[in-house]
N, C-alpha and C. Protein backbone atom coordinates (compact mmCIF):
# COMPACT_ATOMS: atom_id res chain seq x y z
N MET A 1 -21.75 31.12 14.35
CA MET A 1 -20.46 30.54 14.66
C MET A 1 -19.40 31.64 14.54
N SER A 2 -18.61 31.80 15.57
CA SER A 2 -17.62 32.87 15.58
C SER A 2 -16.33 32.43 14.88
N HIS A 3 -15.54 33.43 14.53
CA HIS A 3 -14.26 33.13 13.88
C HIS A 3 -13.32 32.42 14.85
N TRP A 4 -13.42 32.78 16.15
CA TRP A 4 -12.57 32.14 17.14
C TRP A 4 -12.83 30.64 17.20
N TYR A 5 -14.08 30.23 17.12
CA TYR A 5 -14.44 28.81 17.17
C TYR A 5 -13.89 28.07 15.96
N VAL A 6 -14.02 28.66 14.79
CA VAL A 6 -13.53 28.02 13.57
C VAL A 6 -12.01 27.88 13.61
N TRP A 7 -11.31 28.96 13.99
CA TRP A 7 -9.86 28.89 14.04
C TRP A 7 -9.36 27.92 15.10
N SER A 8 -10.02 27.85 16.23
CA SER A 8 -9.60 26.90 17.27
C SER A 8 -9.83 25.46 16.81
N ALA A 9 -10.90 25.22 16.06
CA ALA A 9 -11.12 23.88 15.52
C ALA A 9 -10.05 23.51 14.50
N ILE A 10 -9.68 24.44 13.64
CA ILE A 10 -8.64 24.19 12.64
C ILE A 10 -7.30 23.92 13.31
N VAL A 11 -6.96 24.71 14.33
CA VAL A 11 -5.69 24.52 15.04
C VAL A 11 -5.69 23.16 15.76
N ALA A 12 -6.80 22.81 16.38
CA ALA A 12 -6.88 21.52 17.07
C ALA A 12 -6.73 20.37 16.09
N MET A 13 -7.39 20.44 14.93
CA MET A 13 -7.27 19.38 13.92
C MET A 13 -5.84 19.28 13.39
N ALA A 14 -5.20 20.43 13.18
CA ALA A 14 -3.82 20.43 12.69
C ALA A 14 -2.89 19.81 13.73
N ALA A 15 -3.09 20.13 15.00
CA ALA A 15 -2.24 19.57 16.05
C ALA A 15 -2.42 18.06 16.16
N VAL A 16 -3.65 17.58 16.12
CA VAL A 16 -3.89 16.14 16.20
C VAL A 16 -3.29 15.43 14.99
N THR A 17 -3.46 16.00 13.80
CA THR A 17 -2.89 15.41 12.59
C THR A 17 -1.37 15.34 12.69
N PHE A 18 -0.74 16.42 13.15
CA PHE A 18 0.71 16.44 13.29
C PHE A 18 1.18 15.38 14.28
N LEU A 19 0.51 15.29 15.42
CA LEU A 19 0.91 14.31 16.43
C LEU A 19 0.74 12.88 15.95
N ILE A 20 -0.34 12.62 15.24
CA ILE A 20 -0.56 11.27 14.72
C ILE A 20 0.53 10.89 13.72
N ARG A 21 0.93 11.85 12.90
CA ARG A 21 1.97 11.55 11.91
C ARG A 21 3.36 11.50 12.52
N ALA A 22 3.59 12.23 13.60
CA ALA A 22 4.92 12.27 14.22
C ALA A 22 5.13 11.10 15.18
N LEU A 23 4.07 10.52 15.70
CA LEU A 23 4.17 9.47 16.70
C LEU A 23 5.03 8.27 16.27
N PRO A 24 4.89 7.74 15.05
CA PRO A 24 5.76 6.61 14.67
C PRO A 24 7.24 6.97 14.67
N PHE A 25 7.56 8.21 14.30
CA PHE A 25 8.97 8.61 14.28
C PHE A 25 9.51 8.80 15.69
N LEU A 26 8.65 9.30 16.60
CA LEU A 26 9.08 9.46 17.97
C LEU A 26 9.24 8.11 18.66
N GLY A 27 8.39 7.15 18.34
CA GLY A 27 8.45 5.83 18.95
C GLY A 27 9.49 4.92 18.33
N ALA A 28 10.04 5.30 17.20
CA ALA A 28 11.01 4.44 16.51
C ALA A 28 12.27 4.19 17.33
N ARG A 29 12.65 5.16 18.14
CA ARG A 29 13.86 4.99 18.95
C ARG A 29 13.72 3.82 19.92
N TRP A 30 12.54 3.67 20.52
CA TRP A 30 12.34 2.62 21.51
C TRP A 30 12.03 1.27 20.87
N LEU A 31 11.54 1.29 19.65
CA LEU A 31 11.15 0.04 18.99
C LEU A 31 12.23 -0.51 18.07
N LYS A 32 13.32 0.20 17.91
CA LYS A 32 14.34 -0.17 16.94
C LYS A 32 14.90 -1.58 17.15
N GLY A 33 15.18 -1.96 18.35
CA GLY A 33 15.77 -3.27 18.62
C GLY A 33 14.77 -4.34 18.99
N SER A 34 13.50 -4.04 18.88
CA SER A 34 12.47 -4.99 19.30
C SER A 34 12.38 -6.17 18.34
N PRO A 35 12.40 -7.40 18.87
CA PRO A 35 12.28 -8.57 17.99
C PRO A 35 10.89 -8.65 17.36
N ARG A 36 9.88 -8.14 18.05
CA ARG A 36 8.51 -8.17 17.50
C ARG A 36 8.40 -7.27 16.28
N VAL A 37 9.01 -6.10 16.34
CA VAL A 37 8.97 -5.18 15.21
C VAL A 37 9.75 -5.76 14.03
N SER A 38 10.85 -6.43 14.30
CA SER A 38 11.62 -7.09 13.23
C SER A 38 10.80 -8.18 12.58
N GLN A 39 10.07 -8.94 13.37
CA GLN A 39 9.21 -10.00 12.84
C GLN A 39 8.10 -9.41 11.98
N ILE A 40 7.49 -8.33 12.44
CA ILE A 40 6.43 -7.67 11.67
C ILE A 40 7.00 -7.10 10.37
N GLY A 41 8.22 -6.59 10.42
CA GLY A 41 8.86 -6.04 9.22
C GLY A 41 9.10 -7.09 8.15
N VAL A 42 9.29 -8.32 8.56
CA VAL A 42 9.47 -9.41 7.59
C VAL A 42 8.12 -9.88 7.06
N PHE A 43 7.12 -9.93 7.93
CA PHE A 43 5.82 -10.49 7.58
C PHE A 43 4.92 -9.51 6.84
N LEU A 44 5.01 -8.23 7.15
CA LEU A 44 4.04 -7.26 6.66
C LEU A 44 4.08 -7.01 5.15
N PRO A 45 5.22 -6.83 4.49
CA PRO A 45 5.19 -6.58 3.04
C PRO A 45 4.51 -7.68 2.23
N PRO A 46 4.80 -8.98 2.46
CA PRO A 46 4.05 -10.00 1.70
C PRO A 46 2.56 -10.01 2.04
N ALA A 47 2.22 -9.72 3.29
CA ALA A 47 0.80 -9.68 3.67
C ALA A 47 0.07 -8.55 2.96
N ILE A 48 0.71 -7.40 2.86
CA ILE A 48 0.11 -6.26 2.15
C ILE A 48 -0.04 -6.59 0.67
N MET A 49 0.97 -7.22 0.10
CA MET A 49 0.89 -7.59 -1.32
C MET A 49 -0.23 -8.60 -1.55
N ALA A 50 -0.41 -9.54 -0.64
CA ALA A 50 -1.50 -10.52 -0.77
C ALA A 50 -2.87 -9.84 -0.69
N LEU A 51 -3.02 -8.89 0.22
CA LEU A 51 -4.28 -8.15 0.32
C LEU A 51 -4.55 -7.33 -0.93
N LEU A 52 -3.52 -6.70 -1.47
CA LEU A 52 -3.69 -5.95 -2.72
C LEU A 52 -4.08 -6.87 -3.86
N LEU A 53 -3.48 -8.04 -3.91
CA LEU A 53 -3.80 -9.01 -4.95
C LEU A 53 -5.26 -9.46 -4.85
N ILE A 54 -5.68 -9.80 -3.66
CA ILE A 54 -7.07 -10.25 -3.47
C ILE A 54 -8.04 -9.14 -3.83
N HIS A 55 -7.74 -7.93 -3.40
CA HIS A 55 -8.62 -6.80 -3.72
C HIS A 55 -8.67 -6.54 -5.22
N SER A 56 -7.55 -6.70 -5.90
CA SER A 56 -7.48 -6.37 -7.32
C SER A 56 -8.17 -7.39 -8.21
N VAL A 57 -8.08 -8.66 -7.87
CA VAL A 57 -8.58 -9.70 -8.76
C VAL A 57 -9.86 -10.37 -8.28
N ARG A 58 -10.47 -9.87 -7.23
CA ARG A 58 -11.64 -10.55 -6.66
C ARG A 58 -12.84 -10.54 -7.59
N GLU A 59 -12.92 -9.58 -8.48
CA GLU A 59 -14.09 -9.51 -9.35
C GLU A 59 -13.82 -10.05 -10.75
N LEU A 60 -12.69 -10.67 -10.95
CA LEU A 60 -12.39 -11.22 -12.27
C LEU A 60 -13.26 -12.43 -12.60
N GLY A 61 -13.69 -13.16 -11.60
CA GLY A 61 -14.51 -14.34 -11.84
C GLY A 61 -15.83 -14.01 -12.50
N ALA A 62 -16.35 -12.82 -12.28
CA ALA A 62 -17.64 -12.43 -12.85
C ALA A 62 -17.51 -11.92 -14.29
N SER A 63 -16.30 -11.61 -14.70
CA SER A 63 -16.12 -11.07 -16.04
C SER A 63 -15.67 -12.17 -17.02
N SER A 64 -15.54 -11.79 -18.27
CA SER A 64 -15.14 -12.76 -19.29
C SER A 64 -13.66 -13.11 -19.15
N PRO A 65 -13.28 -14.32 -19.54
CA PRO A 65 -11.88 -14.73 -19.41
C PRO A 65 -10.89 -13.86 -20.19
N GLN A 66 -11.35 -13.18 -21.25
CA GLN A 66 -10.44 -12.29 -21.99
C GLN A 66 -9.98 -11.12 -21.13
N SER A 67 -10.78 -10.70 -20.20
CA SER A 67 -10.39 -9.57 -19.35
C SER A 67 -9.47 -9.99 -18.21
N TRP A 68 -9.22 -11.28 -18.07
CA TRP A 68 -8.32 -11.76 -17.03
C TRP A 68 -6.85 -11.55 -17.38
N TRP A 69 -6.53 -11.51 -18.67
CA TRP A 69 -5.12 -11.47 -19.09
C TRP A 69 -4.34 -10.28 -18.53
N PRO A 70 -4.84 -9.06 -18.60
CA PRO A 70 -4.05 -7.95 -18.03
C PRO A 70 -3.74 -8.16 -16.55
N ALA A 71 -4.73 -8.62 -15.80
CA ALA A 71 -4.51 -8.83 -14.36
C ALA A 71 -3.54 -9.97 -14.11
N LEU A 72 -3.70 -11.07 -14.83
CA LEU A 72 -2.80 -12.21 -14.63
C LEU A 72 -1.36 -11.89 -14.99
N VAL A 73 -1.17 -11.16 -16.09
CA VAL A 73 0.19 -10.78 -16.50
C VAL A 73 0.79 -9.81 -15.48
N ALA A 74 0.00 -8.86 -15.01
CA ALA A 74 0.50 -7.90 -14.01
C ALA A 74 0.84 -8.59 -12.70
N VAL A 75 0.01 -9.53 -12.27
CA VAL A 75 0.29 -10.28 -11.05
C VAL A 75 1.56 -11.12 -11.24
N GLY A 76 1.69 -11.77 -12.38
CA GLY A 76 2.89 -12.55 -12.65
C GLY A 76 4.15 -11.70 -12.66
N ALA A 77 4.06 -10.53 -13.29
CA ALA A 77 5.21 -9.63 -13.31
C ALA A 77 5.57 -9.15 -11.91
N THR A 78 4.54 -8.85 -11.12
CA THR A 78 4.78 -8.41 -9.74
C THR A 78 5.46 -9.50 -8.93
N LEU A 79 4.97 -10.73 -9.05
CA LEU A 79 5.59 -11.84 -8.33
C LEU A 79 7.02 -12.09 -8.78
N LEU A 80 7.23 -12.05 -10.08
CA LEU A 80 8.58 -12.26 -10.61
C LEU A 80 9.55 -11.18 -10.13
N LEU A 81 9.12 -9.93 -10.19
CA LEU A 81 9.98 -8.84 -9.71
C LEU A 81 10.25 -8.95 -8.22
N GLN A 82 9.24 -9.37 -7.46
CA GLN A 82 9.44 -9.51 -6.02
C GLN A 82 10.44 -10.62 -5.71
N ILE A 83 10.35 -11.72 -6.46
CA ILE A 83 11.29 -12.83 -6.25
C ILE A 83 12.71 -12.43 -6.66
N LEU A 84 12.82 -11.74 -7.80
CA LEU A 84 14.15 -11.37 -8.30
C LEU A 84 14.76 -10.20 -7.55
N ALA A 85 13.98 -9.14 -7.33
CA ALA A 85 14.53 -7.92 -6.74
C ALA A 85 14.34 -7.88 -5.22
N GLY A 86 13.24 -8.44 -4.74
CA GLY A 86 12.99 -8.42 -3.31
C GLY A 86 12.61 -7.05 -2.76
N ARG A 87 12.17 -6.17 -3.63
CA ARG A 87 11.78 -4.82 -3.20
C ARG A 87 10.29 -4.64 -3.46
N ALA A 88 9.52 -4.59 -2.39
CA ALA A 88 8.06 -4.58 -2.50
C ALA A 88 7.55 -3.36 -3.27
N LEU A 89 8.11 -2.19 -2.99
CA LEU A 89 7.63 -0.98 -3.65
C LEU A 89 7.85 -1.04 -5.16
N VAL A 90 9.01 -1.50 -5.57
CA VAL A 90 9.30 -1.62 -7.00
C VAL A 90 8.38 -2.65 -7.65
N SER A 91 8.17 -3.77 -6.99
CA SER A 91 7.31 -4.82 -7.54
C SER A 91 5.87 -4.35 -7.69
N ILE A 92 5.33 -3.75 -6.64
CA ILE A 92 3.94 -3.30 -6.68
C ILE A 92 3.76 -2.18 -7.70
N ALA A 93 4.67 -1.23 -7.72
CA ALA A 93 4.56 -0.12 -8.67
C ALA A 93 4.67 -0.61 -10.11
N SER A 94 5.59 -1.53 -10.37
CA SER A 94 5.76 -2.05 -11.73
C SER A 94 4.54 -2.83 -12.19
N GLY A 95 4.00 -3.67 -11.34
CA GLY A 95 2.80 -4.42 -11.68
C GLY A 95 1.61 -3.51 -11.93
N THR A 96 1.48 -2.47 -11.11
CA THR A 96 0.38 -1.51 -11.28
C THR A 96 0.51 -0.74 -12.58
N VAL A 97 1.71 -0.28 -12.87
CA VAL A 97 1.94 0.46 -14.12
C VAL A 97 1.69 -0.44 -15.33
N LEU A 98 2.17 -1.67 -15.29
CA LEU A 98 1.94 -2.60 -16.38
C LEU A 98 0.46 -2.83 -16.61
N TYR A 99 -0.30 -3.04 -15.54
CA TYR A 99 -1.74 -3.27 -15.65
C TYR A 99 -2.45 -2.06 -16.20
N MET A 100 -2.13 -0.88 -15.71
CA MET A 100 -2.78 0.35 -16.17
C MET A 100 -2.45 0.65 -17.63
N LEU A 101 -1.19 0.43 -18.00
CA LEU A 101 -0.82 0.64 -19.41
C LEU A 101 -1.55 -0.34 -20.32
N TRP A 102 -1.65 -1.59 -19.91
CA TRP A 102 -2.35 -2.59 -20.72
C TRP A 102 -3.81 -2.18 -20.92
N LEU A 103 -4.46 -1.74 -19.85
CA LEU A 103 -5.86 -1.33 -19.97
C LEU A 103 -6.01 -0.08 -20.82
N ALA A 104 -5.07 0.85 -20.68
CA ALA A 104 -5.15 2.10 -21.44
C ALA A 104 -4.90 1.88 -22.93
N LEU A 105 -4.02 0.95 -23.25
CA LEU A 105 -3.66 0.73 -24.66
C LEU A 105 -4.54 -0.32 -25.34
N ALA A 106 -5.34 -1.02 -24.58
CA ALA A 106 -6.18 -2.07 -25.17
C ALA A 106 -7.42 -1.49 -25.85
């Protein structure tokens, strides 16, 4: 394998990665006033939070009820923060930190 082949593969991968990451920003100008994008913007954060919740607690049923408390408290805190603050990133991060701290200190 020649050096030219390796470098051309690296450059091609870098270009594709850059284009994939830049595409949403380039398309944002045309999608800014779209009612469909506005609808997705309202629907997507709760849907992502629901998927994270399902993924996080799906295996709690197989474990003992004592191990449910950290997850239940973290989920409750996340829901409460989301209702009060309405900021998905703050809610998810706070619930995750609370859960991880509980597990680390237990």
